[in-house]
Amino acid sequence: MWFYGFKDRILATPVRVYLNYVVTPASVYDRQMAEELLENTTFPVVQADWGSLNTRL
């Protein structure tokens, strides 16, 4: 069964200040949008879930 939906990806500080967000179709992988979210951040450390990690390490 197929569903059409959306995902939101949010870049936020630990105290929940939102810095950036992207809304995409649900079929787009998290890993593909991680670079766009992090493009202009100046934070030296970023915490992410497994789906956002780069597998080419």
N, C-alpha and C. Protein backbone atom coordinates (compact mmCIF):
# COMPACT_ATOMS: atom_id res chain seq x y z
N MET A 1 0.84 -1.16 0.00
CA MET A 1 0.00 0.00 0.00
C MET A 1 0.90 1.25 0.00
N TRP A 2 0.57 2.23 -0.79
CA TRP A 2 1.35 3.45 -0.90
C TRP A 2 0.64 4.61 -0.22
N PHE A 3 1.42 5.46 0.40
CA PHE A 3 0.90 6.66 1.04
C PHE A 3 1.71 7.85 0.56
N TYR A 4 1.09 8.99 0.45
CA TYR A 4 1.81 10.21 0.12
C TYR A 4 1.81 11.08 1.37
N GLY A 5 2.98 11.51 1.78
CA GLY A 5 3.06 12.32 2.98
C GLY A 5 4.26 13.23 2.95
N PHE A 6 4.46 13.94 4.02
CA PHE A 6 5.56 14.89 4.15
C PHE A 6 6.37 14.59 5.40
N LYS A 7 7.62 15.02 5.38
CA LYS A 7 8.49 14.95 6.55
C LYS A 7 9.05 16.34 6.77
N ASP A 8 9.20 16.69 8.04
CA ASP A 8 9.89 17.94 8.34
C ASP A 8 11.19 17.59 9.05
N ARG A 9 12.24 18.26 8.63
CA ARG A 9 13.55 18.10 9.27
C ARG A 9 13.88 19.42 9.92
N ILE A 10 14.25 19.38 11.19
CA ILE A 10 14.46 20.60 11.95
C ILE A 10 15.85 20.61 12.57
N LEU A 11 16.53 21.72 12.45
CA LEU A 11 17.81 21.94 13.12
C LEU A 11 17.52 22.89 14.28
N ALA A 12 17.78 22.42 15.50
CA ALA A 12 17.46 23.20 16.69
C ALA A 12 18.59 23.11 17.70
N THR A 13 18.64 24.09 18.59
CA THR A 13 19.61 24.07 19.68
C THR A 13 19.07 23.17 20.79
N PRO A 14 19.90 22.80 21.77
CA PRO A 14 19.42 21.98 22.88
C PRO A 14 18.29 22.61 23.69
N VAL A 15 18.16 23.92 23.63
CA VAL A 15 17.07 24.59 24.36
C VAL A 15 15.89 24.90 23.43
N ARG A 16 15.81 24.19 22.32
CA ARG A 16 14.70 24.23 21.36
C ARG A 16 14.52 25.57 20.65
N VAL A 17 15.61 26.18 20.29
CA VAL A 17 15.56 27.35 19.41
C VAL A 17 15.77 26.82 18.00
N TYR A 18 14.78 27.01 17.13
CA TYR A 18 14.84 26.47 15.78
C TYR A 18 15.73 27.35 14.90
N LEU A 19 16.69 26.72 14.26
CA LEU A 19 17.65 27.44 13.41
C LEU A 19 17.34 27.30 11.93
N ASN A 20 16.83 26.15 11.54
CA ASN A 20 16.56 25.89 10.13
C ASN A 20 15.58 24.74 10.04
N TYR A 21 14.82 24.67 8.95
CA TYR A 21 13.93 23.54 8.74
C TYR A 21 13.74 23.31 7.25
N VAL A 22 13.37 22.10 6.90
CA VAL A 22 13.10 21.72 5.52
C VAL A 22 11.89 20.79 5.53
N VAL A 23 10.94 21.01 4.65
CA VAL A 23 9.79 20.13 4.49
C VAL A 23 9.92 19.47 3.12
N THR A 24 9.87 18.13 3.10
CA THR A 24 10.05 17.39 1.86
C THR A 24 9.00 16.29 1.76
N PRO A 25 8.84 15.69 0.59
CA PRO A 25 8.01 14.50 0.51
C PRO A 25 8.61 13.40 1.39
N ALA A 26 7.79 12.52 1.89
CA ALA A 26 8.26 11.47 2.80
C ALA A 26 9.24 10.52 2.13
N SER A 27 9.26 10.46 0.82
CA SER A 27 10.15 9.54 0.12
C SER A 27 11.61 9.99 0.09
N VAL A 28 11.90 11.23 0.48
CA VAL A 28 13.27 11.74 0.50
C VAL A 28 13.96 11.25 1.76
N TYR A 29 15.15 10.66 1.61
CA TYR A 29 15.88 10.14 2.76
C TYR A 29 16.42 11.27 3.63
N ASP A 30 16.47 11.04 4.93
CA ASP A 30 16.99 12.03 5.88
C ASP A 30 18.41 12.44 5.54
N ARG A 31 19.20 11.48 5.13
CA ARG A 31 20.61 11.71 4.81
C ARG A 31 20.77 12.74 3.69
N GLN A 32 19.84 12.75 2.75
CA GLN A 32 19.92 13.69 1.63
C GLN A 32 19.71 15.14 2.07
N MET A 33 18.94 15.35 3.12
CA MET A 33 18.62 16.70 3.56
C MET A 33 19.53 17.21 4.67
N ALA A 34 20.33 16.34 5.27
CA ALA A 34 21.20 16.74 6.38
C ALA A 34 22.18 17.83 5.95
N GLU A 35 22.76 17.70 4.78
CA GLU A 35 23.72 18.72 4.31
C GLU A 35 23.05 20.08 4.14
N GLU A 36 21.85 20.09 3.61
CA GLU A 36 21.14 21.36 3.41
C GLU A 36 20.83 22.02 4.75
N LEU A 37 20.44 21.23 5.73
CA LEU A 37 20.15 21.79 7.05
C LEU A 37 21.39 22.36 7.72
N LEU A 38 22.52 21.70 7.54
CA LEU A 38 23.75 22.10 8.21
C LEU A 38 24.57 23.12 7.44
N GLU A 39 24.11 23.51 6.28
CA GLU A 39 24.87 24.36 5.37
C GLU A 39 25.41 25.64 6.01
N ASN A 40 24.61 26.34 6.77
CA ASN A 40 25.03 27.64 7.32
C ASN A 40 25.20 27.63 8.84
N THR A 41 25.25 26.47 9.45
CA THR A 41 25.39 26.42 10.90
C THR A 41 26.83 26.66 11.32
N THR A 42 26.99 27.28 12.47
CA THR A 42 28.33 27.55 13.00
C THR A 42 28.61 26.69 14.23
N PHE A 43 27.71 25.77 14.55
CA PHE A 43 27.90 24.92 15.72
C PHE A 43 28.96 23.86 15.44
N PRO A 44 29.92 23.68 16.35
CA PRO A 44 31.01 22.71 16.12
C PRO A 44 30.57 21.26 16.31
N VAL A 45 29.49 21.01 17.04
CA VAL A 45 29.03 19.65 17.31
C VAL A 45 27.55 19.57 16.95
N VAL A 46 27.19 18.50 16.24
CA VAL A 46 25.80 18.28 15.84
C VAL A 46 25.40 16.88 16.26
N GLN A 47 24.24 16.76 16.86
CA GLN A 47 23.72 15.45 17.26
C GLN A 47 22.61 15.09 16.28
N ALA A 48 22.66 13.86 15.76
CA ALA A 48 21.67 13.43 14.77
C ALA A 48 21.31 11.97 15.00
N ASP A 49 20.19 11.56 14.44
CA ASP A 49 19.82 10.15 14.54
C ASP A 49 20.53 9.36 13.44
N TRP A 50 20.44 8.06 13.49
CA TRP A 50 21.17 7.18 12.58
C TRP A 50 20.82 7.44 11.10
N GLY A 51 19.58 7.78 10.80
CA GLY A 51 19.17 8.01 9.42
C GLY A 51 19.80 9.23 8.78
N SER A 52 20.31 10.15 9.58
CA SER A 52 20.91 11.37 9.05
C SER A 52 22.42 11.27 8.87
N LEU A 53 23.03 10.20 9.37
CA LEU A 53 24.47 10.07 9.28
C LEU A 53 24.92 9.73 7.87
N ASN A 54 26.10 10.17 7.53
CA ASN A 54 26.68 9.90 6.23
C ASN A 54 27.26 8.49 6.25
N THR A 55 26.85 7.63 5.33
CA THR A 55 27.31 6.24 5.34
C THR A 55 28.66 6.09 4.64
N ARG A 56 29.20 7.16 4.08
CA ARG A 56 30.50 7.08 3.38
C ARG A 56 31.66 7.39 4.30
N LEU A 57 31.54 7.16 5.58
CA LEU A 57 32.61 7.46 6.54
C LEU A 57 33.80 6.56 6.35
